[in-house]
Amino acid sequence: MLSRQLRSYNPFPTISEWSLRLSSVINMERGKFPHVLQPKFFELCEQLVIQLTPTLEPFVPALIRHQWRRICVRVRIEEECVSCETEKWEEGGGELADQYFIWTLSLNEQVC
């Protein structure tokens, strides 16, 4: 198994006391992911967090209010497409669920 740890610090432009940090371990099965493509995948992950920052910024106050400190995004790369899945913001009741729905629409337009 090949793994690489990514860390990236990305402050929110208008909320300077908060930032988005990419911290992930990526594991790939031997033979499933060509060595030549690995640097591109890691670069894609690092670029994704840069694009996530402006999509999340409007929702930071609600996330903080509900003590939601983690945003999980699963990126899947196939030969012809890239897709992403996100963990739902279920805690905090209806407000976060509504915010999550709006965020995913924005995310799909911006990133996926």
Protein backbone atom coordinates (compact mmCIF):
# COMPACT_ATOMS: atom_id res chain seq x y z
CA MET A 1 0.00 0.00 0.00
CA LEU A 2 1.15 3.46 -0.83
CA SER A 3 0.04 6.26 1.40
CA ARG A 4 0.80 9.93 1.57
CA GLN A 5 -0.31 12.39 4.17
CA LEU A 6 -1.58 15.74 2.93
CA ARG A 7 -1.74 18.84 5.04
CA SER A 8 -2.84 22.19 3.80
CA TYR A 9 -3.90 25.32 5.68
CA ASN A 10 -6.40 27.61 3.92
CA PRO A 11 -7.84 30.58 5.82
CA PHE A 12 -11.28 31.89 5.00
CA PRO A 13 -10.85 35.35 3.42
CA THR A 14 -13.44 37.17 5.55
CA ILE A 15 -13.34 34.99 8.67
CA SER A 16 -9.67 35.19 9.55
CA GLU A 17 -9.95 33.35 12.86
CA TRP A 18 -11.08 30.14 11.08
CA SER A 19 -9.46 28.12 8.34
CA LEU A 20 -9.92 24.96 6.34
CA ARG A 21 -7.17 22.39 6.73
CA LEU A 22 -6.81 19.37 4.52
CA SER A 23 -5.52 16.52 6.61
CA SER A 24 -5.90 13.12 5.08
CA VAL A 25 -4.23 9.81 4.51
CA ILE A 26 -4.80 8.34 1.10
CA ASN A 27 -4.30 4.63 0.59
CA MET A 28 -4.17 2.96 -2.78
CA GLU A 29 -4.12 -0.72 -3.54
CA ARG A 30 -1.04 -1.99 -5.32
CA GLY A 31 -1.59 -2.08 -9.07
CA LYS A 32 -4.86 -0.12 -8.93
CA PHE A 33 -3.36 3.32 -9.33
CA PRO A 34 -0.54 3.88 -11.83
CA HIS A 35 2.53 5.43 -10.24
CA VAL A 36 2.70 8.09 -12.95
CA LEU A 37 -0.77 9.44 -11.99
CA GLN A 38 -0.14 9.64 -8.24
CA PRO A 39 1.35 13.17 -8.18
CA LYS A 40 -1.65 14.44 -10.18
CA PHE A 41 -4.04 12.89 -7.68
CA PHE A 42 -2.28 14.48 -4.73
CA GLU A 43 -2.25 17.83 -6.52
CA LEU A 44 -5.99 17.47 -7.22
CA CYS A 45 -6.68 16.90 -3.52
CA GLU A 46 -4.67 19.96 -2.56
CA GLN A 47 -6.46 22.06 -5.20
CA LEU A 48 -9.82 20.75 -4.01
CA VAL A 49 -9.35 22.22 -0.54
CA ILE A 50 -8.54 25.59 -2.11
CA GLN A 51 -11.82 25.46 -4.04
CA LEU A 52 -13.77 24.23 -1.01
CA THR A 53 -12.84 27.26 1.08
CA PRO A 54 -15.08 29.82 -0.69
CA THR A 55 -17.98 27.35 -0.93
CA LEU A 56 -17.89 26.75 2.83
CA GLU A 57 -17.30 30.31 4.01
CA PRO A 58 -21.00 31.36 4.12
CA PHE A 59 -21.77 28.33 6.32
CA VAL A 60 -18.96 28.70 8.85
CA PRO A 61 -21.05 30.62 11.44
CA ALA A 62 -23.75 27.90 11.47
CA LEU A 63 -21.15 25.12 11.58
CA ILE A 64 -19.38 26.79 14.50
CA ARG A 65 -22.66 27.44 16.31
CA HIS A 66 -23.40 23.70 16.15
CA GLN A 67 -19.77 22.79 16.97
CA TRP A 68 -19.31 21.05 13.63
CA ARG A 69 -15.54 20.98 13.17
CA ARG A 70 -15.06 18.47 10.36
CA ILE A 71 -15.98 18.46 6.68
CA CYS A 72 -15.50 15.10 4.99
CA VAL A 73 -15.23 14.83 1.23
CA ARG A 74 -14.51 11.56 -0.58
CA VAL A 75 -13.00 12.01 -4.03
CA ARG A 76 -13.27 9.21 -6.57
CA ILE A 77 -11.20 9.30 -9.72
CA GLU A 78 -12.04 7.00 -12.59
CA GLU A 79 -10.71 6.92 -16.12
CA GLU A 80 -13.30 9.30 -17.52
CA CYS A 81 -14.58 11.25 -14.54
CA VAL A 82 -13.96 12.66 -11.08
CA SER A 83 -16.73 12.62 -8.50
CA CYS A 84 -17.02 13.58 -4.87
CA GLU A 85 -19.24 12.60 -1.97
CA THR A 86 -19.67 14.60 1.21
CA GLU A 87 -20.59 13.63 4.74
CA LYS A 88 -23.99 15.07 5.69
CA TRP A 89 -24.26 17.68 8.40
CA GLU A 90 -26.91 15.88 10.42
CA GLU A 91 -26.22 17.06 13.93
CA GLY A 92 -27.75 20.38 14.87
CA GLY A 93 -31.19 19.68 13.53
CA GLY A 94 -32.88 21.29 10.56
CA GLU A 95 -30.63 24.34 10.27
CA LEU A 96 -27.50 22.33 9.40
CA ALA A 97 -29.44 19.97 7.14
CA ASP A 98 -30.76 22.98 5.19
CA GLN A 99 -27.29 24.56 5.11
CA TYR A 100 -25.80 21.28 3.91
CA PHE A 101 -28.25 21.08 1.02
CA ILE A 102 -27.41 24.63 -0.09
CA TRP A 103 -23.67 23.98 0.30
CA THR A 104 -23.75 20.81 -1.81
CA LEU A 105 -25.50 22.68 -4.62
CA SER A 106 -22.77 25.32 -4.48
CA LEU A 107 -20.07 22.66 -4.26
CA ASN A 108 -21.39 20.83 -7.32
CA GLU A 109 -21.39 24.04 -9.33
CA GLN A 110 -17.91 25.05 -8.18
CA VAL A 111 -15.98 21.81 -7.93
CA CYS A 112 -17.59 18.55 -9.02
